[in-house]
N, C-alpha and C. Protein backbone atom coordinates (compact mmCIF):
# COMPACT_ATOMS: atom_id res chain seq x y z
N UNK A 1 -20.89 20.27 4.60
CA UNK A 1 -19.78 20.66 3.73
C UNK A 1 -19.28 19.42 2.98
N UNK A 2 -19.11 19.53 1.68
CA UNK A 2 -18.63 18.43 0.84
C UNK A 2 -17.11 18.43 0.81
N UNK A 3 -16.52 17.25 0.96
CA UNK A 3 -15.06 17.14 0.90
C UNK A 3 -14.59 17.33 -0.54
N UNK A 4 -13.30 17.58 -0.69
CA UNK A 4 -12.72 17.73 -2.03
C UNK A 4 -12.86 16.43 -2.82
N UNK A 5 -12.85 15.29 -2.13
CA UNK A 5 -12.99 14.00 -2.80
C UNK A 5 -14.35 13.89 -3.48
N UNK A 6 -15.38 14.40 -2.84
CA UNK A 6 -16.73 14.26 -3.37
C UNK A 6 -17.20 15.49 -4.13
N UNK A 7 -16.33 16.46 -4.32
CA UNK A 7 -16.71 17.69 -5.02
C UNK A 7 -17.15 17.40 -6.45
N UNK A 8 -16.46 16.49 -7.12
CA UNK A 8 -16.83 16.08 -8.47
C UNK A 8 -17.50 14.71 -8.35
N UNK A 9 -18.72 14.56 -8.81
CA UNK A 9 -19.41 13.28 -8.65
C UNK A 9 -18.74 12.16 -9.46
N UNK A 10 -18.90 10.95 -8.95
CA UNK A 10 -18.33 9.78 -9.64
C UNK A 10 -19.03 9.58 -10.98
N UNK A 11 -18.30 9.04 -11.92
CA UNK A 11 -18.86 8.76 -13.25
C UNK A 11 -19.83 7.58 -13.14
N UNK A 12 -20.82 7.54 -14.00
CA UNK A 12 -21.70 6.37 -14.05
C UNK A 12 -20.88 5.11 -14.36
N UNK A 13 -21.35 3.96 -13.90
CA UNK A 13 -20.61 2.70 -14.05
C UNK A 13 -20.22 2.41 -15.49
N UNK A 14 -21.11 2.62 -16.43
CA UNK A 14 -20.83 2.31 -17.84
C UNK A 14 -19.68 3.16 -18.37
N UNK A 15 -19.66 4.42 -17.99
CA UNK A 15 -18.58 5.31 -18.45
C UNK A 15 -17.26 4.94 -17.78
N UNK A 16 -17.30 4.60 -16.50
CA UNK A 16 -16.08 4.18 -15.79
C UNK A 16 -15.52 2.91 -16.41
N UNK A 17 -16.37 1.95 -16.72
CA UNK A 17 -15.93 0.70 -17.35
C UNK A 17 -15.27 0.98 -18.69
N UNK A 18 -15.88 1.85 -19.49
CA UNK A 18 -15.32 2.19 -20.80
C UNK A 18 -13.96 2.87 -20.63
N UNK A 19 -13.86 3.77 -19.67
CA UNK A 19 -12.60 4.50 -19.43
C UNK A 19 -11.47 3.54 -19.07
N UNK A 20 -11.70 2.67 -18.09
CA UNK A 20 -10.64 1.79 -17.65
C UNK A 20 -10.34 0.68 -18.66
N UNK A 21 -11.32 0.25 -19.41
CA UNK A 21 -11.08 -0.72 -20.48
C UNK A 21 -10.23 -0.10 -21.58
N UNK A 22 -10.51 1.14 -21.92
CA UNK A 22 -9.75 1.83 -22.97
C UNK A 22 -8.31 2.09 -22.56
N UNK A 23 -8.06 2.29 -21.26
CA UNK A 23 -6.69 2.52 -20.79
C UNK A 23 -5.79 1.35 -21.13
N UNK A 24 -6.35 0.14 -21.12
CA UNK A 24 -5.54 -1.05 -21.40
C UNK A 24 -5.04 -1.08 -22.84
N UNK A 25 -5.61 -0.26 -23.70
CA UNK A 25 -5.15 -0.16 -25.08
C UNK A 25 -3.77 0.52 -25.13
N UNK A 26 -3.51 1.41 -24.16
CA UNK A 26 -2.29 2.21 -24.18
C UNK A 26 -1.33 1.89 -23.05
N UNK A 27 -1.79 1.24 -22.01
CA UNK A 27 -0.98 0.98 -20.84
C UNK A 27 -1.07 -0.50 -20.45
N UNK A 28 -0.10 -0.94 -19.68
CA UNK A 28 -0.14 -2.29 -19.13
C UNK A 28 0.22 -2.22 -17.65
N UNK A 29 -0.08 -3.27 -16.96
CA UNK A 29 0.21 -3.32 -15.54
C UNK A 29 1.68 -3.69 -15.34
N UNK A 30 2.35 -3.02 -14.43
CA UNK A 30 3.79 -3.29 -14.22
C UNK A 30 4.04 -4.73 -13.78
N UNK A 31 3.10 -5.33 -13.06
CA UNK A 31 3.30 -6.72 -12.64
C UNK A 31 3.23 -7.67 -13.84
N UNK A 32 2.45 -7.31 -14.87
CA UNK A 32 2.41 -8.12 -16.09
C UNK A 32 3.75 -8.04 -16.82
N UNK A 33 4.33 -6.85 -16.87
CA UNK A 33 5.64 -6.67 -17.51
C UNK A 33 6.69 -7.48 -16.75
N UNK A 34 6.69 -7.36 -15.45
CA UNK A 34 7.66 -8.09 -14.62
C UNK A 34 7.51 -9.60 -14.82
N UNK A 35 6.28 -10.08 -14.80
CA UNK A 35 6.04 -11.51 -14.99
C UNK A 35 6.54 -12.00 -16.34
N UNK A 36 6.31 -11.21 -17.38
CA UNK A 36 6.78 -11.58 -18.72
C UNK A 36 8.31 -11.61 -18.77
N UNK A 37 8.94 -10.62 -18.13
CA UNK A 37 10.40 -10.59 -18.11
C UNK A 37 10.96 -11.79 -17.36
N UNK A 38 10.37 -12.13 -16.23
CA UNK A 38 10.85 -13.26 -15.44
C UNK A 38 10.67 -14.59 -16.18
N UNK A 39 9.64 -14.68 -17.01
CA UNK A 39 9.38 -15.90 -17.79
C UNK A 39 10.11 -15.91 -19.13
N UNK A 40 10.94 -14.88 -19.37
CA UNK A 40 11.67 -14.73 -20.64
C UNK A 40 10.71 -14.73 -21.82
N UNK A 41 9.56 -14.10 -21.64
CA UNK A 41 8.57 -13.96 -22.71
C UNK A 41 8.42 -12.48 -23.07
N UNK A 42 9.52 -11.91 -23.52
CA UNK A 42 9.53 -10.47 -23.82
C UNK A 42 9.33 -10.29 -25.31
N UNK A 43 8.07 -10.16 -25.70
CA UNK A 43 7.72 -9.95 -27.10
C UNK A 43 7.13 -8.56 -27.30
N UNK A 44 7.71 -7.61 -26.57
CA UNK A 44 7.22 -6.23 -26.59
C UNK A 44 8.39 -5.29 -26.40
N UNK A 45 8.16 -4.02 -26.72
CA UNK A 45 9.15 -2.97 -26.47
C UNK A 45 8.64 -2.16 -25.29
N UNK A 46 9.47 -2.04 -24.27
CA UNK A 46 9.11 -1.29 -23.08
C UNK A 46 9.67 0.11 -23.20
N UNK A 47 8.81 1.11 -23.13
CA UNK A 47 9.22 2.51 -23.22
C UNK A 47 8.95 3.17 -21.89
N UNK A 48 9.98 3.65 -21.24
CA UNK A 48 9.86 4.34 -19.96
C UNK A 48 9.64 5.82 -20.24
N UNK A 49 8.47 6.32 -19.90
CA UNK A 49 8.13 7.71 -20.21
C UNK A 49 8.11 8.60 -18.97
N UNK A 50 8.73 8.12 -17.90
CA UNK A 50 8.76 8.94 -16.68
C UNK A 50 9.64 10.16 -16.90
N UNK A 51 9.25 11.26 -16.32
CA UNK A 51 10.04 12.48 -16.42
C UNK A 51 11.25 12.37 -15.47
N UNK A 52 12.28 13.06 -15.79
CA UNK A 52 13.48 13.05 -14.92
C UNK A 52 13.40 14.12 -13.90
């Protein structure tokens, strides 16, 4: 019996690399934002899109 985790096969490495590389176009890591704020290097607009 296959688990729910393995029900959908993993993407090939090239496609996974493209997917995660493209995410960086639209998103950033929260630790990078925090580091920039702590260093007073805030040259960006931070938009919080979390739902209430």
